[in-house]
């Protein structure tokens, strides 16, 4: 299941995002969307978790939690 993670701090790294979601299960892919001109985070990214039960648990637990002073939003990617 692919999850969209929005409202991330611009300083959050892919590694931090992977660790955050790995606490809820297996993460096979983790990527931040970067601005092409500056190579800095645009404040959102994607996390892929193959086990749907683990992904739903991560979604419900992490949605609207504070990470680096930002309240992140997690939903299933379209």
C-alpha atoms as a PDB file:
ATOM      1  CA  UNK A   1       0.000   0.000   0.000  1.00  0.00           C
ATOM      2  CA  UNK A   2       1.368   3.403  -0.970  1.00  0.00           C
ATOM      3  CA  UNK A   3       0.846   6.199   1.552  1.00  0.00           C
ATOM      4  CA  UNK A   4       1.064   9.937   0.941  1.00  0.00           C
ATOM      5  CA  UNK A   5       2.614  11.898   3.805  1.00  0.00           C
ATOM      6  CA  UNK A   6       1.944  15.653   3.693  1.00  0.00           C
ATOM      7  CA  UNK A   7       2.910  18.709   5.728  1.00  0.00           C
ATOM      8  CA  UNK A   8       6.388  17.421   6.546  1.00  0.00           C
ATOM      9  CA  UNK A   9       9.007  19.810   7.851  1.00  0.00           C
ATOM     10  CA  UNK A  10      11.347  20.842   5.038  1.00  0.00           C
ATOM     11  CA  UNK A  11      14.220  19.494   7.164  1.00  0.00           C
ATOM     12  CA  UNK A  12      12.763  15.973   7.535  1.00  0.00           C
ATOM     13  CA  UNK A  13      14.929  13.369   5.781  1.00  0.00           C
ATOM     14  CA  UNK A  14      13.938  10.157   3.996  1.00  0.00           C
ATOM     15  CA  UNK A  15      15.747   8.220   6.724  1.00  0.00           C
ATOM     16  CA  UNK A  16      13.670   9.894   9.466  1.00  0.00           C
ATOM     17  CA  UNK A  17      10.486   9.159   7.527  1.00  0.00           C
ATOM     18  CA  UNK A  18      11.515   5.513   7.068  1.00  0.00           C
ATOM     19  CA  UNK A  19      12.249   5.124  10.796  1.00  0.00           C
ATOM     20  CA  UNK A  20       8.903   6.728  11.700  1.00  0.00           C
ATOM     21  CA  UNK A  21       6.915   4.287   9.549  1.00  0.00           C
ATOM     22  CA  UNK A  22       9.137   1.250  10.233  1.00  0.00           C
ATOM     23  CA  UNK A  23       7.903   1.327  13.832  1.00  0.00           C
ATOM     24  CA  UNK A  24       4.575   0.091  12.416  1.00  0.00           C
ATOM     25  CA  UNK A  25       5.827  -2.532   9.960  1.00  0.00           C
ATOM     26  CA  UNK A  26       7.936  -3.212   6.892  1.00  0.00           C
ATOM     27  CA  UNK A  27       8.745  -0.255   4.627  1.00  0.00           C
ATOM     28  CA  UNK A  28       9.919  -1.210   1.117  1.00  0.00           C
ATOM     29  CA  UNK A  29      10.157   2.287  -0.335  1.00  0.00           C
ATOM     30  CA  UNK A  30      10.380   5.782   1.072  1.00  0.00           C
ATOM     31  CA  UNK A  31      10.836   8.966  -0.949  1.00  0.00           C
ATOM     32  CA  UNK A  32      10.562  12.696  -0.418  1.00  0.00           C
ATOM     33  CA  UNK A  33       9.481  14.924  -3.278  1.00  0.00           C
ATOM     34  CA  UNK A  34      12.251  17.446  -3.949  1.00  0.00           C
ATOM     35  CA  UNK A  35      12.205  20.835  -5.649  1.00  0.00           C
ATOM     36  CA  UNK A  36      14.227  20.493  -8.857  1.00  0.00           C
ATOM     37  CA  UNK A  37      15.792  23.951  -8.593  1.00  0.00           C
ATOM     38  CA  UNK A  38      16.890  23.818  -4.947  1.00  0.00           C
ATOM     39  CA  UNK A  39      16.982  20.033  -4.276  1.00  0.00           C
ATOM     40  CA  UNK A  40      15.144  20.724  -0.996  1.00  0.00           C
ATOM     41  CA  UNK A  41      12.064  18.920   0.230  1.00  0.00           C
ATOM     42  CA  UNK A  42       8.679  20.204  -0.922  1.00  0.00           C
ATOM     43  CA  UNK A  43       7.184  19.027   2.374  1.00  0.00           C
ATOM     44  CA  UNK A  44       5.625  15.764   1.261  1.00  0.00           C
ATOM     45  CA  UNK A  45       6.601  12.253   0.345  1.00  0.00           C
ATOM     46  CA  UNK A  46       5.533   8.666  -0.199  1.00  0.00           C
ATOM     47  CA  UNK A  47       5.960   5.530   1.867  1.00  0.00           C
ATOM     48  CA  UNK A  48       5.287   2.030   0.488  1.00  0.00           C
ATOM     49  CA  UNK A  49       4.349  -0.706   2.953  1.00  0.00           C
ATOM     50  CA  UNK A  50       3.576  -4.125   1.386  1.00  0.00           C
ATOM     51  CA  UNK A  51       1.471  -5.391   4.302  1.00  0.00           C
ATOM     52  CA  UNK A  52      -1.925  -3.656   4.132  1.00  0.00           C
ATOM     53  CA  UNK A  53      -2.696  -4.259   7.820  1.00  0.00           C
ATOM     54  CA  UNK A  54       0.594  -2.633   8.877  1.00  0.00           C
ATOM     55  CA  UNK A  55       0.047   0.258   6.470  1.00  0.00           C
ATOM     56  CA  UNK A  56      -3.452   0.924   7.838  1.00  0.00           C
ATOM     57  CA  UNK A  57      -2.087   0.795  11.396  1.00  0.00           C
ATOM     58  CA  UNK A  58       0.627   3.322  10.491  1.00  0.00           C
ATOM     59  CA  UNK A  59      -1.923   5.556   8.780  1.00  0.00           C
ATOM     60  CA  UNK A  60      -4.325   5.614  11.720  1.00  0.00           C
ATOM     61  CA  UNK A  61      -1.550   6.056  14.299  1.00  0.00           C
ATOM     62  CA  UNK A  62       0.526   8.707  12.508  1.00  0.00           C
ATOM     63  CA  UNK A  63      -2.207  10.825  10.842  1.00  0.00           C
ATOM     64  CA  UNK A  64      -2.264  14.277  12.483  1.00  0.00           C
ATOM     65  CA  UNK A  65       0.670  13.571  14.808  1.00  0.00           C
ATOM     66  CA  UNK A  66       3.445  16.121  15.324  1.00  0.00           C
ATOM     67  CA  UNK A  67       6.766  15.475  13.637  1.00  0.00           C
ATOM     68  CA  UNK A  68       9.398  18.232  13.944  1.00  0.00           C
ATOM     69  CA  UNK A  69       6.733  20.769  15.035  1.00  0.00           C
ATOM     70  CA  UNK A  70       4.496  20.024  12.021  1.00  0.00           C
ATOM     71  CA  UNK A  71       1.217  18.127  12.228  1.00  0.00           C
ATOM     72  CA  UNK A  72       1.602  15.588   9.417  1.00  0.00           C
ATOM     73  CA  UNK A  73      -1.275  14.215   7.349  1.00  0.00           C
ATOM     74  CA  UNK A  74      -1.188  10.618   6.127  1.00  0.00           C
ATOM     75  CA  UNK A  75      -3.549   9.094   3.574  1.00  0.00           C
ATOM     76  CA  UNK A  76      -3.622   6.370   0.950  1.00  0.00           C
ATOM     77  CA  UNK A  77      -1.948   7.627  -2.243  1.00  0.00           C
ATOM     78  CA  UNK A  78      -4.151   7.730  -5.342  1.00  0.00           C
END
